[in-house]
Structures are given as structure tokens and as C-alpha cells.
Protein backbone atom coordinates (compact mmCIF):
# COMPACT_ATOMS: atom_id res chain seq x y z
CA MET A 1 71.18 16.67 -25.21
CA VAL A 2 70.90 19.58 -27.50
CA ALA A 3 67.46 21.12 -28.56
CA THR A 4 66.76 20.88 -32.37
CA LEU A 5 65.47 24.15 -32.28
CA PRO A 6 67.01 26.65 -34.26
CA LEU A 7 69.43 29.11 -32.21
CA GLU A 8 66.95 32.57 -33.20
CA VAL A 9 63.81 30.46 -32.31
CA LEU A 10 65.10 29.61 -28.85
CA GLN A 11 66.19 32.95 -28.08
CA ILE A 12 62.60 34.31 -28.58
CA VAL A 13 61.35 31.51 -26.41
CA ALA A 14 63.86 32.31 -23.59
CA GLN A 15 62.75 35.96 -23.89
CA THR A 16 59.28 34.83 -23.54
CA CYS A 17 59.97 32.90 -20.53
CA PRO A 18 63.08 34.05 -18.91
CA CYS A 19 65.09 32.32 -16.37
CA ARG A 20 63.93 29.07 -17.77
CA GLU A 21 66.58 27.96 -20.14
CA PRO A 22 67.55 24.37 -19.17
CA GLN A 23 63.86 23.52 -19.04
CA ILE A 24 63.03 24.77 -22.40
CA ASN A 25 66.10 22.85 -23.90
CA ASP A 26 64.89 19.67 -22.26
CA ILE A 27 61.40 19.92 -23.44
CA ALA A 28 62.33 21.29 -26.91
CA THR A 29 64.54 18.12 -27.22
CA LEU A 30 62.04 15.76 -26.45
CA PHE A 31 59.74 17.00 -29.14
CA ASN A 32 62.55 17.71 -31.20
CA GLY A 33 60.23 16.89 -34.87
CA VAL A 34 62.59 14.28 -36.09
CA PHE A 35 62.61 11.58 -33.49
CA PRO A 36 59.78 10.45 -32.02
CA PRO A 37 58.35 11.91 -28.46
CA PRO A 38 57.53 9.81 -25.36
CA PRO A 39 54.51 8.89 -24.88
CA THR A 40 54.50 10.62 -21.56
CA VAL A 41 56.57 13.27 -19.78
CA VAL A 42 55.83 14.71 -15.84
CA ALA A 43 56.85 18.30 -15.05
CA TYR A 44 56.80 19.22 -11.61
CA GLY A 45 57.43 21.94 -9.16
CA LEU A 46 55.89 24.41 -6.98
CA GLN A 47 52.85 26.38 -8.24
CA GLY A 48 53.70 29.79 -9.91
CA SER A 49 56.74 28.71 -11.40
CA SER A 50 55.53 28.85 -14.94
CA LYS A 51 55.55 24.92 -16.01
CA LEU A 52 52.47 25.68 -18.42
CA GLU A 53 54.08 28.97 -19.97
CA VAL A 54 56.95 26.97 -20.82
CA ILE A 55 55.25 24.18 -22.43
CA THR A 56 53.09 25.70 -24.23
CA ALA A 57 55.94 28.08 -25.60
CA VAL A 58 58.08 25.52 -26.90
CA LEU A 59 55.00 23.37 -28.72
CA ASN A 60 53.98 26.51 -30.44
CA ALA A 61 57.66 27.20 -31.84
CA HIS A 62 57.61 23.64 -33.00
CA LYS A 63 54.45 24.19 -34.47
CA LEU A 64 53.10 20.94 -32.90
CA LYS A 65 49.10 20.76 -32.17
CA HIS A 66 48.48 20.66 -28.68
CA ALA A 67 45.66 21.17 -25.83
CA VAL A 68 45.79 22.23 -21.93
CA ILE A 69 42.97 20.96 -19.91
CA LYS A 70 43.21 22.09 -16.54
CA CYS A 71 42.45 19.20 -13.95
CA ARG A 72 41.12 21.61 -11.37
CA GLU A 73 38.50 22.54 -13.34
CA CYS A 74 37.25 18.96 -14.00
CA LEU A 75 34.70 17.96 -11.43
CA SER A 76 35.18 13.85 -11.50
CA GLN A 77 37.38 11.75 -13.47
CA ARG A 78 34.50 11.34 -15.98
CA HIS A 79 34.78 14.73 -17.11
CA LEU A 80 38.50 14.65 -17.27
CA LEU A 81 38.72 11.43 -19.64
CA GLY A 82 35.55 13.66 -21.90
CA LYS A 83 37.77 16.56 -22.24
CA ILE A 84 40.95 14.38 -23.33
CA PHE A 85 38.71 13.13 -26.28
CA ALA A 86 37.20 16.46 -27.04
CA ALA A 87 40.30 17.96 -27.50
CA CYS A 88 42.19 15.28 -29.45
CA ALA A 89 38.99 15.36 -31.81
CA GLN A 90 39.41 19.33 -31.92
CA ALA A 91 42.66 18.98 -32.68
CA LEU A 92 42.41 17.00 -35.80
CA GLY A 93 39.67 18.68 -36.92
CA GLN A 94 36.97 16.10 -36.44
CA GLU A 95 35.15 17.86 -33.69
CA GLU A 96 31.94 17.40 -35.90
CA ALA A 97 32.10 13.51 -36.07
CA VAL A 98 32.19 13.13 -32.24
CA GLU A 99 28.68 11.67 -31.90
CA ARG A 100 29.47 8.81 -34.14
CA TYR A 101 31.55 7.62 -31.42
CA ASP A 102 30.63 6.12 -28.20
CA ARG A 103 30.37 7.49 -24.87
CA VAL A 104 33.24 8.07 -23.13
CA ASP A 105 32.34 7.19 -19.52
CA SER A 106 35.56 4.98 -18.63
CA LEU A 107 39.73 4.60 -19.31
CA ASN A 108 38.43 1.45 -21.55
CA ALA A 109 35.75 3.75 -23.83
CA LEU A 110 38.73 6.57 -24.00
CA SER A 111 41.03 4.04 -25.38
CA VAL A 112 38.80 2.28 -27.51
CA ASN A 113 37.39 5.91 -28.80
CA LEU A 114 41.16 7.28 -29.13
CA GLN A 115 42.16 4.36 -31.57
CA LYS A 116 39.75 4.95 -33.65
CA LEU A 117 39.92 8.79 -33.71
CA PHE A 118 43.85 8.47 -34.62
CA ARG A 119 43.45 5.36 -36.84
CA GLY A 120 45.11 6.81 -40.44
CA SER A 121 45.84 9.91 -39.08
CA ASN A 122 49.66 10.83 -39.29
CA LEU A 123 49.51 14.34 -37.17
CA ARG A 124 51.08 14.20 -34.14
CA THR A 125 49.03 15.50 -30.97
CA VAL A 126 50.26 16.47 -27.60
CA ILE A 127 47.58 16.60 -24.83
CA VAL A 128 49.01 18.95 -21.86
CA LEU A 129 46.90 17.90 -17.96
CA ASP A 130 47.88 20.96 -16.26
CA SER A 131 47.29 19.93 -12.56
CA ILE A 132 46.85 16.86 -12.44
CA ASP A 133 47.38 15.79 -8.60
CA GLU A 134 44.37 18.63 -8.36
CA LEU A 135 41.76 16.36 -9.92
CA LYS A 136 38.90 15.50 -7.84
CA GLY A 137 37.98 11.80 -7.00
CA PRO A 138 41.02 10.15 -9.30
CA GLY A 139 40.34 6.56 -9.45
CA SER A 140 43.45 4.51 -8.45
CA THR A 141 43.79 3.44 -11.71
CA LEU A 142 43.44 6.88 -13.65
CA LEU A 143 47.67 7.93 -13.79
CA PRO A 144 48.74 4.29 -14.61
CA ALA A 145 46.32 4.32 -17.45
CA LEU A 146 46.68 7.93 -19.17
CA ALA A 147 50.57 7.10 -18.51
CA ARG A 148 50.14 4.31 -21.41
CA LEU A 149 47.60 5.75 -23.71
CA GLY A 150 50.91 7.27 -25.61
CA ASP A 151 51.91 3.36 -26.61
CA MET A 152 48.53 1.92 -27.50
CA ILE A 153 47.95 5.13 -29.92
CA SER A 154 51.06 6.31 -31.64
CA GLY A 155 50.01 9.79 -32.50
CA LEU A 156 49.34 10.99 -29.29
CA SER A 157 51.55 12.44 -26.06
CA LEU A 158 50.88 13.40 -22.69
CA VAL A 159 52.20 16.14 -20.48
CA LEU A 160 51.54 15.75 -16.90
CA THR A 161 52.43 19.27 -14.59
CA THR A 162 51.86 18.28 -10.98
CA THR A 163 52.37 21.00 -8.07
CA SER A 164 53.85 17.97 -5.55
CA VAL A 165 57.32 17.47 -5.53
CA ARG A 166 56.45 13.53 -4.67
CA PRO A 167 56.83 11.40 -8.03
CA LEU A 168 53.27 10.18 -9.47
CA ALA A 169 52.04 6.77 -9.27
CA LEU A 170 52.66 6.05 -12.90
CA HIS A 171 54.01 2.42 -12.25
CA ARG A 172 55.72 2.79 -15.29
CA PRO A 173 59.55 2.75 -15.67
CA GLY A 174 61.49 5.66 -18.06
CA VAL A 175 59.37 8.23 -17.91
CA PRO A 176 60.94 11.65 -18.49
CA HIS A 177 60.96 14.31 -15.69
CA ILE A 178 61.22 17.68 -15.59
CA TYR A 179 61.94 19.87 -12.55
CA PHE A 180 60.91 23.54 -12.71
CA PRO A 181 62.40 25.15 -9.13
CA ALA A 182 61.15 27.94 -8.08
CA TYR A 183 62.63 31.74 -8.82
CA THR A 184 64.80 32.83 -6.51
CA ARG A 185 65.27 36.70 -5.13
CA SER A 186 67.52 37.62 -7.96
CA GLN A 187 65.27 36.24 -10.93
CA ALA A 188 62.01 37.09 -9.91
CA ILE A 189 63.28 40.75 -9.78
CA HIS A 190 65.04 40.26 -12.76
CA ILE A 191 61.96 39.41 -14.56
CA LEU A 192 59.71 41.78 -13.29
CA CYS A 193 62.23 44.74 -14.11
CA LEU A 194 62.24 43.77 -17.63
CA GLU A 195 59.45 45.38 -18.62
CA PRO A 196 58.49 48.62 -15.84
CA PRO A 197 55.45 50.16 -16.43
CA ALA A 198 55.24 53.31 -17.94
CA LEU A 199 53.75 56.56 -16.77
CA PRO A 200 50.63 57.84 -18.43
CA ASP A 201 50.48 60.76 -20.66
CA SER A 202 48.29 62.74 -18.57
CA VAL A 203 50.95 62.30 -15.36
CA ALA A 204 53.97 61.90 -17.06
CA GLN A 205 54.01 65.81 -17.42
CA GLY A 206 54.31 67.09 -14.21
CA SER A 207 56.68 64.02 -12.88
CA ARG A 208 59.70 64.92 -10.84
CA ILE A 209 61.63 61.90 -11.08
CA GLU A 210 65.61 61.39 -11.88
CA ASP A 211 65.93 57.61 -13.00
CA LEU A 212 62.31 55.91 -12.96
CA ALA A 213 63.89 52.41 -13.91
CA SER A 214 66.00 52.56 -10.81
CA ILE A 215 63.55 53.77 -8.14
CA TYR A 216 61.26 50.76 -10.01
CA LYS A 217 63.88 48.29 -9.35
CA GLN A 218 64.53 49.01 -5.89
CA PHE A 219 60.77 49.43 -5.55
CA ALA A 220 60.28 45.54 -6.36
CA ILE A 221 63.23 44.53 -4.17
CA THR A 222 61.48 46.37 -1.25
CA VAL A 223 57.86 44.64 -2.33
CA TYR A 224 59.46 40.96 -2.42
CA ASP A 225 61.06 41.30 0.77
CA ALA A 226 58.61 43.05 2.69
CA LEU A 227 55.34 40.99 1.11
CA ILE A 228 55.71 38.25 -0.88
CA ALA A 229 58.83 36.52 0.64
CA PRO A 230 56.84 35.71 3.96
CA THR A 231 54.09 34.33 2.06
CA THR A 232 54.19 33.00 -1.43
CA THR A 233 56.97 31.88 -4.15
CA SER A 234 54.48 32.99 -7.17
CA LEU A 235 56.05 35.46 -10.13
CA ALA A 236 52.69 35.53 -10.68
CA THR A 237 51.50 37.29 -7.48
CA LEU A 238 54.48 39.50 -7.34
CA ARG A 239 53.59 40.83 -10.61
CA LYS A 240 50.11 41.51 -9.57
CA VAL A 241 51.36 43.23 -5.79
CA THR A 242 53.48 45.47 -7.49
CA HIS A 243 51.84 46.75 -10.36
CA ARG A 244 48.98 47.21 -8.18
CA LEU A 245 50.95 49.31 -5.45
CA TRP A 246 53.32 51.13 -7.98
CA PRO A 247 50.56 54.35 -9.04
CA ARG A 248 50.34 54.91 -5.36
CA PHE A 249 53.81 54.77 -4.23
CA ILE A 250 54.76 56.90 -7.18
CA TRP A 251 51.74 59.54 -7.06
CA PRO A 252 53.31 61.84 -5.23
CA ALA A 253 56.21 62.49 -7.50
CA VAL A 254 54.20 62.60 -10.79
CA SER A 255 51.48 64.39 -9.39
CA GLY A 256 53.27 67.61 -9.06
CA GLU A 257 53.88 67.82 -5.38
CA ALA A 258 57.13 69.26 -4.34
CA PRO A 259 59.74 66.76 -2.56
CA PRO A 260 60.46 67.78 1.31
CA GLY A 261 63.92 69.36 1.82
CA LYS A 262 66.02 71.46 -0.49
CA THR A 263 65.79 68.59 -3.27
CA LYS A 264 63.73 69.29 -6.73
CA SER A 265 63.39 65.93 -7.46
CA TRP A 266 61.79 62.71 -5.62
CA ASP A 267 64.49 59.52 -4.82
CA PHE A 268 63.75 56.26 -3.64
CA PRO A 269 64.20 56.89 0.22
CA ARG A 270 61.75 60.23 0.31
CA LEU A 271 59.24 57.90 -1.59
CA LEU A 272 59.82 55.11 0.99
CA VAL A 273 58.86 57.23 4.00
CA ARG A 274 56.24 58.80 2.51
CA GLY A 275 54.37 55.61 0.78
CA ARG A 276 55.36 53.22 4.02
CA ALA A 277 51.64 52.56 4.73
CA LEU A 278 51.56 50.36 1.57
CA PHE A 279 54.26 48.28 3.04
CA HIS A 280 52.11 47.10 6.07
CA SER A 281 48.37 46.93 6.15
CA GLU A 282 47.15 47.74 2.55
CA GLY A 283 50.42 46.02 1.03
CA GLU A 284 48.64 42.68 3.15
CA SER A 285 45.20 43.51 1.49
CA ALA A 286 46.38 43.62 -1.88
CA LEU A 287 47.79 39.91 -1.46
CA LEU A 288 43.80 38.86 -1.39
CA ASP A 289 41.79 37.99 -3.67
CA THR A 290 38.43 40.15 -2.94
CA LEU A 291 35.32 40.36 -5.13
CA GLN A 292 34.47 43.84 -4.40
CA SER A 293 37.13 46.23 -4.83
CA THR A 294 37.83 48.87 -1.57
CA ASP A 295 37.00 52.55 -2.07
CA GLN A 296 40.79 53.91 -2.47
CA ALA A 297 42.40 54.67 -5.57
CA TRP A 298 44.73 52.51 -6.91
CA THR A 299 45.37 53.34 -10.67
CA PHE A 300 46.66 56.16 -12.28
CA ASP A 301 42.88 57.66 -13.72
CA GLU A 302 41.65 57.51 -10.35
CA LEU A 303 44.39 59.17 -8.34
CA LEU A 304 44.18 61.97 -10.88
CA ARG A 305 40.41 62.27 -10.45
CA GLN A 306 40.75 62.45 -7.15
CA HIS A 307 43.59 64.91 -7.41
CA LYS A 308 41.27 66.94 -9.30
CA GLN A 309 38.23 66.80 -7.13
CA GLY A 310 40.63 68.03 -4.07
CA PRO A 311 40.77 66.65 -0.48
CA PRO A 312 37.09 67.13 0.94
CA GLN A 313 36.31 70.57 3.11
CA PRO A 314 35.74 69.64 6.80
CA GLU A 315 32.61 71.29 8.32
CA PRO A 316 33.10 73.94 11.24
CA ASN A 317 30.29 72.51 13.51
CA SER A 318 30.62 68.66 14.52
CA ASN A 319 27.04 68.64 15.18
CA SER A 320 26.18 69.43 11.59
CA THR A 321 29.17 67.09 10.53
CA LEU A 322 27.47 64.09 12.56
CA SER A 323 24.08 65.32 10.99
CA ARG A 324 25.41 65.43 7.44
CA ARG A 325 26.93 62.04 7.65
CA SER A 326 23.89 60.36 9.02
CA ASN A 327 21.52 61.86 6.14
CA ALA A 328 24.36 60.56 3.28
CA ALA A 329 24.48 57.26 5.18
CA PRO A 330 21.48 55.79 3.05
CA THR A 331 22.75 57.56 -0.21
CA LEU A 332 26.43 55.68 -0.02
CA ILE A 333 24.65 52.86 0.64
CA SER A 334 22.16 52.96 -2.03
CA ASP A 335 25.23 54.11 -4.74
CA SER A 336 27.06 51.00 -3.63
CA THR A 337 24.01 48.86 -4.13
CA LEU A 338 23.54 50.15 -7.58
CA THR A 339 27.21 49.95 -8.36
CA HIS A 340 27.46 46.23 -7.71
CA SER A 341 24.41 45.53 -9.30
CA ALA A 342 25.21 47.19 -12.56
CA LYS A 343 27.92 44.99 -12.81
CA PRO A 344 27.16 41.11 -11.64
CA LEU A 345 29.83 39.03 -10.02
CA LEU A 346 28.68 36.15 -11.61
CA THR A 347 27.55 34.88 -14.71
CA PRO A 348 24.32 34.30 -15.80
CA LEU A 349 25.07 30.67 -16.18
CA ALA A 350 26.62 30.38 -12.43
CA THR A 351 23.81 32.54 -11.28
CA LEU A 352 21.15 30.21 -12.05
CA LEU A 353 23.05 27.14 -10.84
CA LEU A 354 23.51 29.50 -7.37
CA LEU A 355 19.83 29.58 -7.21
CA ALA A 356 19.06 26.38 -8.09
CA SER A 357 21.43 25.00 -5.84
CA HIS A 358 19.42 26.85 -2.82
CA LEU A 359 16.35 25.92 -3.51
CA ALA A 360 17.57 22.22 -3.45
CA SER A 361 19.48 22.46 -0.24
CA HIS A 362 16.35 24.02 1.52
CA THR A 363 13.43 22.74 -0.15
CA PRO A 364 12.51 18.69 1.15
CA PRO A 365 12.24 16.47 -2.00
CA LYS A 366 8.52 15.21 -1.76
CA HIS A 367 7.89 19.21 -2.56
CA ASP A 368 9.44 19.25 -5.78
CA ILE A 369 6.47 18.41 -7.59
CA LEU A 370 4.70 21.09 -5.97
CA LEU A 371 7.07 23.68 -6.63
CA PHE A 372 8.86 23.63 -9.89
CA SER A 373 6.53 20.96 -12.01
CA ARG A 374 5.51 22.62 -15.13
CA LEU A 375 1.99 20.91 -15.30
CA SER A 376 0.59 23.02 -12.07
CA ALA A 377 -2.65 24.46 -12.65
CA THR A 378 -1.79 27.67 -10.63
CA SER A 379 0.16 30.80 -12.24
CA SER A 380 1.97 31.92 -9.36
CA LYS A 381 4.86 29.91 -8.13
CA HIS A 382 4.54 30.98 -4.28
CA ARG A 383 2.48 28.47 -2.40
CA LYS A 384 2.19 27.91 1.23
CA ILE A 385 1.75 24.69 3.02
CA ARG A 386 -0.09 24.89 5.56
CA TYR A 387 0.36 22.24 8.27
CA ILE A 388 -2.96 20.35 9.90
CA LYS A 389 -2.25 20.21 13.98
CA ARG A 390 -2.87 16.71 14.89
CA GLY A 391 -4.50 16.22 18.27
CA ASN A 392 -6.01 14.09 20.40
CA PRO A 393 -9.63 15.58 21.37
CA GLY A 394 -9.76 13.77 24.65
CA SER A 395 -6.20 15.19 26.20
CA GLY A 396 -6.85 18.49 26.94
CA THR A 397 -4.31 21.16 25.82
CA THR A 398 -1.14 18.67 26.09
CA PRO A 399 -1.58 17.85 22.48
CA LYS A 400 -1.02 21.44 21.34
CA LYS A 401 1.50 21.94 23.28
CA ALA A 402 3.77 18.78 22.20
CA ASN A 403 2.55 19.64 18.44
CA ALA A 404 3.94 23.31 18.84
CA ASP A 405 7.35 21.97 20.12
CA ASN A 406 7.64 19.12 17.35
CA ARG A 407 6.57 22.17 14.82
CA ARG A 408 9.32 24.11 16.12
CA LYS A 409 11.89 21.64 15.89
CA ASP A 410 11.05 20.71 12.88
CA LYS A 411 11.43 24.25 11.69
CA THR A 412 14.84 24.52 13.23
CA LYS A 413 16.00 21.59 10.93
CA SER A 414 14.95 22.73 8.03
CA LEU A 415 16.92 26.07 8.48
CA ALA A 416 20.32 23.70 7.80
CA PRO A 417 20.97 23.08 4.15
CA LYS A 418 20.55 19.25 3.05
CA ALA A 419 22.80 17.99 0.34
CA PHE A 420 21.46 17.27 -2.83
CA SER A 421 22.25 15.46 -5.96
CA MET A 422 23.44 16.62 -9.51
CA GLU A 423 20.27 15.02 -11.22
CA ARG A 424 18.17 17.11 -9.11
CA LEU A 425 19.88 20.39 -9.58
CA LEU A 426 19.59 19.78 -13.15
CA ALA A 427 15.94 19.18 -12.62
CA VAL A 428 15.46 22.53 -10.44
CA ALA A 429 17.55 24.42 -12.70
CA ARG A 430 15.12 23.56 -15.90
CA ALA A 431 12.28 24.46 -13.85
CA VAL A 432 13.45 27.61 -12.27
CA HIS A 433 15.00 28.86 -15.80
CA PRO A 434 12.91 32.16 -16.88
CA GLU A 435 12.40 30.81 -20.64
CA GLY A 436 13.60 27.08 -20.40
CA VAL A 437 17.10 25.82 -21.19
CA GLY A 438 16.60 25.58 -25.02
CA GLY A 439 15.67 29.41 -25.06
CA GLY A 440 18.74 30.75 -23.19
CA MET A 441 17.16 34.01 -22.54
CA LEU A 442 18.64 35.40 -19.52
CA ALA A 443 19.75 39.32 -18.68
CA GLY A 444 18.54 39.99 -22.35
CA LYS A 445 21.83 38.28 -24.07
CA GLY A 446 20.46 35.69 -25.53
CA LYS A 447 21.83 32.32 -26.34
CA ALA A 448 24.96 33.32 -25.58
CA ALA A 449 24.41 34.34 -22.10
CA MET A 450 23.69 31.16 -21.13
CA GLY A 451 26.35 28.89 -22.96
CA GLY A 452 24.07 28.71 -25.90
CA GLY A 453 21.10 26.37 -26.35
CA ALA A 454 20.41 22.89 -24.55
CA GLU A 455 23.22 21.31 -26.59
CA GLY A 456 25.80 20.34 -24.10
CA TRP A 457 23.66 21.64 -21.08
CA SER A 458 25.16 18.96 -18.52
CA ASP A 459 28.82 19.82 -19.49
CA ARG A 460 28.60 23.57 -19.05
CA VAL A 461 26.47 22.56 -15.81
CA ALA A 462 29.57 20.90 -14.78
CA GLN A 463 31.93 23.53 -15.64
CA ALA A 464 30.15 26.03 -13.70
CA MET A 465 29.59 24.14 -10.42
CA GLY A 466 33.30 24.06 -10.52
CA GLU A 467 33.39 27.79 -10.93
CA LEU A 468 31.15 28.50 -7.44
CA GLU A 469 33.08 25.57 -5.83
CA ARG A 470 36.08 27.20 -6.07
CA MET A 471 34.67 30.65 -4.93
CA ARG A 472 33.26 28.19 -2.04
CA LEU A 473 29.72 29.64 -2.89
CA VAL A 474 28.60 25.89 -2.82
CA ARG A 475 30.53 22.44 -1.52
CA ARG A 476 30.88 18.94 -2.46
CA GLU A 477 30.00 16.70 0.48
CA ASP A 478 31.82 13.57 -1.14
CA ASP A 479 34.95 13.10 -2.82
CA GLY A 480 32.73 11.73 -5.93
CA HIS A 481 33.09 8.20 -7.90
CA GLU A 482 35.63 7.06 -9.53
CA ASP A 483 33.44 6.85 -12.64
CA GLY A 484 32.46 10.38 -12.52
CA GLY A 485 28.94 9.79 -10.84
CA GLY A 486 28.41 12.88 -9.48
CA GLY A 487 28.42 13.13 -5.74
CA LYS A 488 26.43 15.05 -3.53
CA TRP A 489 26.00 18.95 -2.96
CA ARG A 490 25.47 21.58 -0.63
CA VAL A 491 24.79 25.58 -0.93
CA ASN A 492 27.59 26.68 1.09
CA VAL A 493 26.05 30.50 1.47
CA GLY A 494 23.17 32.38 3.25
CA ARG A 495 19.60 33.39 1.39
CA GLU A 496 21.03 37.37 1.71
CA VAL A 497 24.11 36.23 -0.96
CA VAL A 498 21.58 34.04 -2.96
CA VAL A 499 18.94 36.82 -3.11
CA GLU A 500 21.61 39.33 -4.08
CA MET A 501 23.23 37.61 -7.14
CA SER A 502 20.01 36.56 -7.91
CA ALA A 503 18.25 39.97 -8.59
CA GLN A 504 21.46 41.00 -10.48
CA ARG A 505 20.08 38.91 -13.24
CA GLY A 506 16.41 39.68 -12.63
CA LEU A 507 15.75 36.09 -10.75
CA GLY A 508 13.32 35.91 -8.04
CA VAL A 509 14.22 33.74 -4.92
CA GLN A 510 11.08 34.39 -2.41
CA GLU A 511 8.57 32.92 -5.46
CA TRP A 512 9.88 29.61 -5.67
CA GLU A 513 10.18 29.13 -1.63
CA LEU A 514 7.67 27.42 0.97
CA ASP A 515 6.85 29.89 3.11
CA LEU A 516 6.22 27.45 6.59
């Protein structure tokens, strides 16, 4: 097969996605603009094989209207179907007329709405469903139905990407499959060395390096062999780790430090001996995605600032050193706390939902009307539930002991988080919102901070809950239903984390809790 794109356009796409020429030619041939494209195309390969980048680059070169839907961000099958219809309406420029169509809550409703949407339109739309195998709670009929949407709707094509090497259960013959193999060692290093990071002007003047490109290539090879090859095949991970470790590796040469021996310039073996610790514990920690950064300097600006400050001066007396450290400990903790509080780790909507999830998990449903009702006569939200000891007057002290034991058991059971439904979460979130869902005022950022007004509130909540689930702050108790009923949820972190995250946005936890 020969692609119908011009040669110069193919070269530009190949430069954007190097080492993927066969896949570029296959996709360019299928979506050539001359013949009708196939209704369904499947692109499969391991994670980090640049499937989505290649597909979007070819579609942009053909100037085809397309939309990308990340299936891992969809909470249920219904959520995915709603996103498909919204993406098609936006691609055709009819997003304002969505309210005239029926609610997309099933595959039949999606098919009927799409037929009405594409009626009388000659535009071709391509929907890319990224990581379809990572969708939560898909039904057994979802993939076969999606594979036949293009047959019923002439202007629609679907591209399904999957990380599984097994074929999808499409129950339809003749579906084109494009394989994206993992990058080999030589390909990964070639792609990484195409654009070596340049030295900043602030440190390039005092550098003592003869061939920076050669040193960077040898450094990339060492990082791949020591850290990447035993753990993953992702090119993005290789690029991230290499760019993170490169400033500290090359810093002895750019800071003006004299190389060991009689040489006047640094070479790769001397830099490797000097920075061998980067390829052990520090390099392994760079592979992990953490929320809080360490105290070590990793960028050129941080290293230059640390170099100007100079090394810390040691104290001659050990006793004074111990006393100095003990006095400085509270200051360091408070400075770190202020730093993290100045930069919240969660969005305002995600913080509100995390607080609501904590309250829904630790509050019995029978007390919802007492705590979260807006018709409460008291202005304070903090109430105390007093337990009345029920004992038999004619039975001495035995009933008191039994009541105490039962109360202790009840209090122990209440410590574990309970599962809650999505409907209850929405109700609690509306109640604890500082100025109501329609107001959207939180942390002084207006409606944009909460996603804007009360319109589309449920859809934004579903997206934020997906983010919290990926960060393991909440977890789903079941796989959900085929029709996207929502299922049960449960908070997955302790009270201290919820208090810290809520305090960063000015939300309180204690005023909504029961004092047992």
C-alpha cells in the first residue's frame, strides 16, 4: 500500500514521530481522503509506543476533523457514550444544539442520536478511543456495537487503541489492525539524541566540555541500560528520567570545577565516576511519580542557586550542633508546610469531592439530614450526638458494663470507612460547598475554579472522581454496571490527608463531623 500524502508532508510527520514510518504509511493509506476510510481501525501495542501521537499527526496532516477520548478517564460505559456524542457534536459545530437530542444512556440512544446528528452532513469525523481496554465496567456488547457504528453512520470512523496484544472481541471480520512494536534500544537512543538539551546561558560560560553531544549520547545509553531496560519500554519514561538526571550529571563540568588529574576538560568516564550515585538509589527514585519533590537540587537554576550559597559550615562543637538542629527542626517543618499549602496539590473541585467522600464514608446515612440539611435551625454545623445509656433499673451495674462494651464496639466499627453511592456524594458535596454549586466561589478563583456554575455539574464530578481514583485517594467498590449506574465508592486515605488537602483550599473538616 502506498500513502496518498505528499512526500514532503510524510517527511514532516516522520520527523514528528521518528522510527514509525511503516505505521505512518498504513494510517495515511487508510485515511487518504480519496477512498472511503474503514469504519473501524484498531491500533495495538504496548504502553509508550506512541500510538496516539502517530494517529493524531496523520489525521492533522490530512486535515480531518477528529477528537480523542481517553477511556481511562471515563467512569463507566454511559460516561464513554456521552463523551462520544459530545465529541461528534463539537466536531460538526453543533455543540449548542445538543439539548435537542435525547439523553445518551445506552448504545441504542447513541446510535439514534448520531444518525440524527450526521443527517445531511458531508463532513468526515474520526473518533479516537484511546486505551479502550482500560475502560471501567464495559459491557459485553460495547465493542461489537462500536465496531458497527461506522456501518450505520457514513460520516463516522472509529480508531480503537489498546495496550493488549490479544485481539479485541469485535465479532466483525475485516477490521484493519496496525501493530506498534516497542522501541528498540537503538531507536530509543536515536530519538532521545535528536534534540539534546541545551545548556542555559548562566552556566554555559564556565563549562569545560569538549563534545557535549557525544557525552549526552553516552549518558543516554547508560541511563537506558541501568534504569530503563530492566523496568519499562516507555520512551516517555526514558525522556523524563534522562532530562531529570542530566543537570546533576553534567554539573561538575559546567560549574567551573577542575577535573581530576592533569586534563583540562571533563570527559564522560570522569563524569560517570563522579556521578555514579545517580544510577543507583537517586536514579531509581526518579522513576517514581511523587506528589512532593525532594529537597535536592535537580535543575540548573537550583544547582546554580545552591552553588552560590556555598556548602553549609560545620559547627566545631557537637553539643551546639545538636542544640542548633533541635531548635531549627520546628522552623523547617513549618516552612515545608507553608510551601505545600501555597501550592495546592488538588484542584478545587477535586478537593471538595475528597472532603465529601470522607464525610460520606464516615457519617452514617441516618445523620445526613442533621448535618447537611440547609433547613437546620442552628447556625453552627458542628453538633454532638449524645448517646443515652439504656439500662435496666433493677439490674445493678451489669447493664452499665454491657452498654459500655456495646458503645466501644460501635465506635470501633465506625472508624472504618463505609461505601457510599454517587448520588449521596453529589448531595453531600452540594451541602458542604462554601457558596453553593451555582456560585462556584472557592479559594477566590470564581466559577472557573469549580469548572463554572451548576451546568454540567455531574459530568465534571465524574471526571474529578476519575482523577481521585487514579491517585488512589478514593476507590471503587464494584466494577459498575453496564448502563453506568455509578456503583459504590469509598475514601482510601486517612483523616490527616483530607484535613491537609482541605485546609489548602480553606475548607474545614471538623465542622461537618460527628463528635461521638
